[in-house]
């Protein structure tokens, strides 16, 4: 069974991958830095794992790269107990209008990212 990389390395690889796959030709570190509002060397340090971005940084990156904040984290393994709660949430969400549904999705993604970040970020 292959070893799971630590959170810092995983996030670094995802930033690099998402930046390079953005659009048809990808984004330069400089272009992404401008979109996020940080120095170019900050993007470089995030991509090499020298620095670990904060959750707020990841949210800015997600918006700039037009991806879910959860794109920066490994996919969770399913559990039966949680699946029932997720199904209930989906049933409740079906009646919402588009704007409320988008807001609920962003809220859920942020909460999930915060949970992942707190539990794995200190390794």
N, C-alpha and C. Protein backbone atom coordinates (compact mmCIF):
# COMPACT_ATOMS: atom_id res chain seq x y z
N UNK A 1 0.85 -1.18 0.00
CA UNK A 1 0.00 0.00 0.00
C UNK A 1 0.89 1.24 0.00
N UNK A 2 0.71 2.17 -0.98
CA UNK A 2 1.58 3.34 -1.05
C UNK A 2 1.33 4.27 0.13
N UNK A 3 2.39 4.92 0.57
CA UNK A 3 2.29 5.84 1.69
C UNK A 3 1.61 7.13 1.24
N UNK A 4 0.71 7.65 2.06
CA UNK A 4 0.04 8.90 1.77
C UNK A 4 1.00 10.04 2.08
N UNK A 5 1.15 10.99 1.15
CA UNK A 5 2.04 12.12 1.43
C UNK A 5 1.46 12.97 2.55
N UNK A 6 2.32 13.71 3.25
CA UNK A 6 1.78 14.57 4.29
C UNK A 6 0.97 15.69 3.65
N UNK A 7 0.19 16.36 4.47
CA UNK A 7 -0.74 17.38 3.96
C UNK A 7 0.00 18.48 3.22
N UNK A 8 1.11 18.94 3.76
CA UNK A 8 1.84 20.04 3.11
C UNK A 8 2.28 19.64 1.70
N UNK A 9 2.82 18.43 1.54
CA UNK A 9 3.25 17.96 0.23
C UNK A 9 2.07 17.78 -0.72
N UNK A 10 0.97 17.26 -0.19
CA UNK A 10 -0.22 17.04 -1.02
C UNK A 10 -0.76 18.38 -1.54
N UNK A 11 -0.91 19.35 -0.64
CA UNK A 11 -1.41 20.68 -1.03
C UNK A 11 -0.46 21.33 -2.03
N UNK A 12 0.84 21.21 -1.79
CA UNK A 12 1.83 21.80 -2.70
C UNK A 12 1.68 21.22 -4.11
N UNK A 13 1.54 19.91 -4.19
CA UNK A 13 1.40 19.26 -5.50
C UNK A 13 0.10 19.67 -6.18
N UNK A 14 -0.97 19.81 -5.41
CA UNK A 14 -2.26 20.20 -6.00
C UNK A 14 -2.22 21.64 -6.51
N UNK A 15 -1.59 22.55 -5.78
CA UNK A 15 -1.48 23.93 -6.26
C UNK A 15 -0.73 23.94 -7.59
N UNK A 16 0.39 23.26 -7.62
CA UNK A 16 1.21 23.19 -8.83
C UNK A 16 0.40 22.60 -10.00
N UNK A 17 -0.29 21.51 -9.72
CA UNK A 17 -1.07 20.83 -10.76
C UNK A 17 -2.22 21.70 -11.26
N UNK A 18 -2.99 22.28 -10.35
CA UNK A 18 -4.13 23.10 -10.75
C UNK A 18 -3.68 24.36 -11.50
N UNK A 19 -2.57 24.94 -11.07
CA UNK A 19 -2.05 26.13 -11.77
C UNK A 19 -1.61 25.78 -13.18
N UNK A 20 -0.91 24.66 -13.32
CA UNK A 20 -0.39 24.29 -14.64
C UNK A 20 -1.50 23.81 -15.59
N UNK A 21 -2.62 23.35 -15.04
CA UNK A 21 -3.72 22.88 -15.87
C UNK A 21 -4.80 23.94 -16.10
N UNK A 22 -4.61 25.12 -15.55
CA UNK A 22 -5.62 26.17 -15.66
C UNK A 22 -5.74 26.63 -17.11
N UNK A 23 -6.95 26.62 -17.62
CA UNK A 23 -7.18 27.05 -19.00
C UNK A 23 -6.46 26.16 -19.99
N UNK A 24 -6.17 26.70 -21.14
CA UNK A 24 -5.49 25.91 -22.18
C UNK A 24 -3.99 25.80 -21.95
N UNK A 25 -3.39 26.85 -21.39
CA UNK A 25 -1.94 26.87 -21.26
C UNK A 25 -1.44 26.97 -19.82
N UNK A 26 -2.34 26.95 -18.86
CA UNK A 26 -1.94 27.09 -17.47
C UNK A 26 -1.67 28.54 -17.11
N UNK A 27 -1.34 28.75 -15.87
CA UNK A 27 -1.01 30.09 -15.37
C UNK A 27 0.44 30.09 -14.88
N UNK A 28 1.11 31.19 -15.06
CA UNK A 28 2.44 31.32 -14.48
C UNK A 28 2.27 31.57 -12.98
N UNK A 29 3.34 31.36 -12.23
CA UNK A 29 3.29 31.66 -10.81
C UNK A 29 3.01 33.15 -10.60
N UNK A 30 3.58 33.97 -11.45
CA UNK A 30 3.38 35.41 -11.35
C UNK A 30 1.92 35.79 -11.57
N UNK A 31 1.29 35.20 -12.58
CA UNK A 31 -0.11 35.50 -12.87
C UNK A 31 -1.02 35.05 -11.72
N UNK A 32 -0.75 33.86 -11.19
CA UNK A 32 -1.55 33.38 -10.06
C UNK A 32 -1.34 34.26 -8.84
N UNK A 33 -0.12 34.67 -8.60
CA UNK A 33 0.18 35.55 -7.47
C UNK A 33 -0.62 36.84 -7.56
N UNK A 34 -0.72 37.40 -8.75
CA UNK A 34 -1.49 38.63 -8.94
C UNK A 34 -2.97 38.40 -8.67
N UNK A 35 -3.50 37.26 -9.13
CA UNK A 35 -4.91 36.94 -8.89
C UNK A 35 -5.22 36.77 -7.41
N UNK A 36 -4.28 36.18 -6.69
CA UNK A 36 -4.49 35.87 -5.27
C UNK A 36 -4.10 37.04 -4.37
N UNK A 37 -3.23 37.92 -4.88
CA UNK A 37 -2.79 39.07 -4.09
C UNK A 37 -1.63 38.77 -3.17
N UNK A 38 -0.71 37.92 -3.65
CA UNK A 38 0.49 37.60 -2.89
C UNK A 38 1.71 37.78 -3.79
N UNK A 39 2.89 37.70 -3.19
CA UNK A 39 4.13 37.80 -3.95
C UNK A 39 4.35 36.51 -4.76
N UNK A 40 5.02 36.63 -5.88
CA UNK A 40 5.30 35.47 -6.73
C UNK A 40 6.07 34.40 -5.97
N UNK A 41 7.03 34.81 -5.13
CA UNK A 41 7.80 33.81 -4.40
C UNK A 41 6.94 33.07 -3.37
N UNK A 42 5.81 33.64 -2.97
CA UNK A 42 4.90 32.94 -2.07
C UNK A 42 4.28 31.74 -2.79
N UNK A 43 3.87 31.94 -4.04
CA UNK A 43 3.32 30.83 -4.83
C UNK A 43 4.39 29.74 -4.96
N UNK A 44 5.60 30.13 -5.26
CA UNK A 44 6.69 29.18 -5.39
C UNK A 44 6.89 28.40 -4.09
N UNK A 45 6.87 29.09 -2.99
CA UNK A 45 7.07 28.43 -1.69
C UNK A 45 5.92 27.50 -1.34
N UNK A 46 4.69 27.88 -1.73
CA UNK A 46 3.55 26.98 -1.52
C UNK A 46 3.71 25.72 -2.36
N UNK A 47 4.14 25.89 -3.60
CA UNK A 47 4.26 24.76 -4.52
C UNK A 47 5.40 23.81 -4.15
N UNK A 48 6.40 24.31 -3.49
CA UNK A 48 7.51 23.44 -3.08
C UNK A 48 7.31 22.89 -1.66
N UNK A 49 6.30 23.38 -0.99
CA UNK A 49 6.04 22.93 0.37
C UNK A 49 6.91 23.61 1.41
N UNK A 50 7.63 24.65 1.00
CA UNK A 50 8.44 25.42 1.93
C UNK A 50 7.53 26.12 2.94
N UNK A 51 6.44 26.69 2.43
CA UNK A 51 5.41 27.30 3.27
C UNK A 51 4.12 26.54 3.04
N UNK A 52 3.27 26.51 4.06
CA UNK A 52 1.95 25.92 3.91
C UNK A 52 0.93 27.05 3.89
N UNK A 53 0.10 27.12 2.85
CA UNK A 53 -0.90 28.19 2.81
C UNK A 53 -1.93 28.01 3.92
N UNK A 54 -2.47 29.13 4.38
CA UNK A 54 -3.54 29.08 5.37
C UNK A 54 -4.83 28.67 4.66
N UNK A 55 -5.84 28.41 5.43
CA UNK A 55 -7.14 28.07 4.86
C UNK A 55 -7.68 29.24 4.05
N UNK A 56 -7.48 30.46 4.53
CA UNK A 56 -7.90 31.64 3.78
C UNK A 56 -7.14 31.73 2.45
N UNK A 57 -5.85 31.41 2.47
CA UNK A 57 -5.07 31.40 1.23
C UNK A 57 -5.64 30.36 0.25
N UNK A 58 -5.99 29.19 0.77
CA UNK A 58 -6.55 28.14 -0.09
C UNK A 58 -7.89 28.57 -0.68
N UNK A 59 -8.68 29.31 0.09
CA UNK A 59 -9.95 29.80 -0.44
C UNK A 59 -9.70 30.78 -1.58
N UNK A 60 -8.72 31.67 -1.41
CA UNK A 60 -8.38 32.62 -2.48
C UNK A 60 -7.86 31.89 -3.71
N UNK A 61 -7.01 30.88 -3.49
CA UNK A 61 -6.51 30.08 -4.61
C UNK A 61 -7.66 29.38 -5.33
N UNK A 62 -8.58 28.82 -4.57
CA UNK A 62 -9.72 28.11 -5.17
C UNK A 62 -10.54 29.04 -6.03
N UNK A 63 -10.80 30.23 -5.54
CA UNK A 63 -11.57 31.20 -6.32
C UNK A 63 -10.80 31.62 -7.58
N UNK A 64 -9.50 31.88 -7.43
CA UNK A 64 -8.69 32.31 -8.57
C UNK A 64 -8.60 31.22 -9.64
N UNK A 65 -8.50 29.97 -9.19
CA UNK A 65 -8.35 28.85 -10.12
C UNK A 65 -9.70 28.26 -10.54
N UNK A 66 -10.77 28.81 -9.97
CA UNK A 66 -12.14 28.38 -10.28
C UNK A 66 -12.36 26.90 -10.00
N UNK A 67 -11.93 26.48 -8.81
CA UNK A 67 -12.12 25.10 -8.36
C UNK A 67 -12.69 25.13 -6.94
N UNK A 68 -13.15 24.01 -6.49
CA UNK A 68 -13.60 23.87 -5.12
C UNK A 68 -12.39 23.89 -4.20
N UNK A 69 -12.55 24.48 -3.02
CA UNK A 69 -11.46 24.47 -2.04
C UNK A 69 -11.09 23.03 -1.67
N UNK A 70 -12.04 22.12 -1.80
CA UNK A 70 -11.76 20.72 -1.49
C UNK A 70 -10.82 20.08 -2.51
N UNK A 71 -10.58 20.74 -3.62
CA UNK A 71 -9.64 20.23 -4.63
C UNK A 71 -8.22 20.14 -4.09
N UNK A 72 -7.96 20.85 -3.01
CA UNK A 72 -6.61 20.86 -2.44
C UNK A 72 -6.37 19.74 -1.43
N UNK A 73 -7.41 18.95 -1.16
CA UNK A 73 -7.31 17.91 -0.13
C UNK A 73 -7.62 16.54 -0.71
N UNK A 74 -7.05 15.50 -0.10
CA UNK A 74 -7.36 14.14 -0.55
C UNK A 74 -8.85 13.85 -0.37
N UNK A 75 -9.39 13.03 -1.25
CA UNK A 75 -10.80 12.66 -1.13
C UNK A 75 -10.99 11.74 0.06
N UNK A 76 -12.04 12.01 0.85
CA UNK A 76 -12.26 11.18 2.04
C UNK A 76 -12.81 9.81 1.67
N UNK A 77 -12.53 8.86 2.53
CA UNK A 77 -13.11 7.54 2.35
C UNK A 77 -14.54 7.57 2.88
N UNK A 78 -15.43 6.86 2.22
CA UNK A 78 -16.84 6.87 2.61
C UNK A 78 -17.07 6.02 3.85
N UNK A 79 -18.00 6.48 4.68
CA UNK A 79 -18.45 5.70 5.82
C UNK A 79 -19.96 5.66 5.80
N UNK A 80 -20.55 4.57 6.21
CA UNK A 80 -21.99 4.40 6.15
C UNK A 80 -22.73 5.44 6.98
N UNK A 81 -22.26 5.71 8.18
CA UNK A 81 -22.91 6.67 9.06
C UNK A 81 -22.95 8.06 8.44
N UNK A 82 -21.85 8.46 7.87
CA UNK A 82 -21.80 9.78 7.23
C UNK A 82 -22.64 9.82 5.97
N UNK A 83 -22.69 8.75 5.24
CA UNK A 83 -23.46 8.72 4.00
C UNK A 83 -24.94 9.01 4.24
N UNK A 84 -25.47 8.54 5.34
CA UNK A 84 -26.87 8.81 5.67
C UNK A 84 -27.08 10.30 5.91
N UNK A 85 -26.17 10.93 6.59
CA UNK A 85 -26.28 12.37 6.84
C UNK A 85 -26.13 13.17 5.55
N UNK A 86 -25.22 12.73 4.70
CA UNK A 86 -25.03 13.41 3.41
C UNK A 86 -26.30 13.27 2.57
N UNK A 87 -26.87 12.10 2.54
CA UNK A 87 -28.11 11.89 1.79
C UNK A 87 -29.23 12.80 2.31
N UNK A 88 -29.33 12.95 3.63
CA UNK A 88 -30.34 13.83 4.22
C UNK A 88 -30.09 15.29 3.81
N UNK A 89 -28.84 15.68 3.81
CA UNK A 89 -28.49 17.04 3.39
C UNK A 89 -28.85 17.26 1.93
N UNK A 90 -28.58 16.29 1.09
CA UNK A 90 -28.92 16.41 -0.33
C UNK A 90 -30.42 16.52 -0.53
N UNK A 91 -31.18 15.74 0.21
CA UNK A 91 -32.65 15.83 0.09
C UNK A 91 -33.13 17.23 0.49
N UNK A 92 -32.56 17.78 1.55
CA UNK A 92 -32.96 19.12 1.99
C UNK A 92 -32.54 20.18 0.98
N UNK A 93 -31.41 20.00 0.35
CA UNK A 93 -30.87 20.99 -0.57
C UNK A 93 -31.64 21.04 -1.90
N UNK A 94 -32.29 19.96 -2.25
CA UNK A 94 -32.98 19.91 -3.55
C UNK A 94 -34.04 21.00 -3.71
N UNK A 95 -34.64 21.45 -2.62
CA UNK A 95 -35.68 22.47 -2.71
C UNK A 95 -35.18 23.89 -2.71
N UNK A 96 -33.88 24.09 -2.61
CA UNK A 96 -33.32 25.44 -2.55
C UNK A 96 -33.20 26.07 -3.94
N UNK A 97 -33.25 27.41 -3.97
CA UNK A 97 -33.01 28.10 -5.25
C UNK A 97 -31.51 28.06 -5.54
N UNK A 98 -31.14 28.43 -6.74
CA UNK A 98 -29.75 28.32 -7.20
C UNK A 98 -28.78 29.11 -6.32
N UNK A 99 -29.13 30.33 -5.98
CA UNK A 99 -28.23 31.16 -5.16
C UNK A 99 -28.02 30.54 -3.78
N UNK A 100 -29.10 30.06 -3.17
CA UNK A 100 -28.96 29.43 -1.85
C UNK A 100 -28.18 28.13 -1.95
N UNK A 101 -28.39 27.39 -3.01
CA UNK A 101 -27.66 26.14 -3.21
C UNK A 101 -26.17 26.39 -3.37
N UNK A 102 -25.81 27.41 -4.15
CA UNK A 102 -24.40 27.78 -4.31
C UNK A 102 -23.78 28.18 -2.98
N UNK A 103 -24.51 28.96 -2.19
CA UNK A 103 -24.01 29.39 -0.89
C UNK A 103 -23.85 28.20 0.06
N UNK A 104 -24.80 27.28 0.05
CA UNK A 104 -24.70 26.08 0.88
C UNK A 104 -23.48 25.25 0.49
N UNK A 105 -23.25 25.10 -0.81
CA UNK A 105 -22.09 24.35 -1.29
C UNK A 105 -20.79 24.99 -0.81
N UNK A 106 -20.68 26.30 -0.95
CA UNK A 106 -19.46 26.99 -0.52
C UNK A 106 -19.26 26.86 0.98
N UNK A 107 -20.35 26.96 1.74
CA UNK A 107 -20.25 26.82 3.19
C UNK A 107 -19.79 25.41 3.55
N UNK A 108 -20.40 24.41 2.94
CA UNK A 108 -20.03 23.02 3.23
C UNK A 108 -18.59 22.74 2.84
N UNK A 109 -18.16 23.26 1.70
CA UNK A 109 -16.78 23.06 1.26
C UNK A 109 -15.80 23.72 2.22
N UNK A 110 -16.12 24.93 2.67
CA UNK A 110 -15.24 25.62 3.59
C UNK A 110 -15.15 24.87 4.91
N UNK A 111 -16.27 24.41 5.43
CA UNK A 111 -16.26 23.66 6.69
C UNK A 111 -15.46 22.36 6.56
N UNK A 112 -15.62 21.67 5.43
CA UNK A 112 -14.87 20.43 5.21
C UNK A 112 -13.38 20.73 5.11
N UNK A 113 -13.04 21.77 4.38
CA UNK A 113 -11.63 22.15 4.23
C UNK A 113 -11.03 22.51 5.58
N UNK A 114 -11.79 23.23 6.40
CA UNK A 114 -11.30 23.60 7.73
C UNK A 114 -11.05 22.36 8.58
N UNK A 115 -11.95 21.41 8.49
CA UNK A 115 -11.79 20.17 9.24
C UNK A 115 -10.55 19.40 8.79
N UNK A 116 -10.37 19.30 7.49
CA UNK A 116 -9.20 18.61 6.95
C UNK A 116 -7.92 19.34 7.35
N UNK A 117 -7.94 20.64 7.20
CA UNK A 117 -6.78 21.45 7.49
C UNK A 117 -6.35 21.32 8.94
N UNK A 118 -7.31 21.36 9.85
CA UNK A 118 -6.99 21.24 11.28
C UNK A 118 -6.49 19.86 11.64
N UNK A 119 -7.09 18.82 11.06
CA UNK A 119 -6.73 17.46 11.46
C UNK A 119 -5.44 16.98 10.81
N UNK A 120 -5.11 17.44 9.63
CA UNK A 120 -3.93 16.93 8.93
C UNK A 120 -2.82 17.94 8.80
N UNK A 121 -3.13 19.20 8.97
CA UNK A 121 -2.13 20.24 8.77
C UNK A 121 -1.03 20.27 9.81
N UNK A 122 -1.22 19.63 10.93
CA UNK A 122 -0.22 19.68 12.01
C UNK A 122 0.71 18.48 11.99
N UNK A 123 0.65 17.65 10.97
CA UNK A 123 1.51 16.47 10.89
C UNK A 123 2.91 16.85 10.51
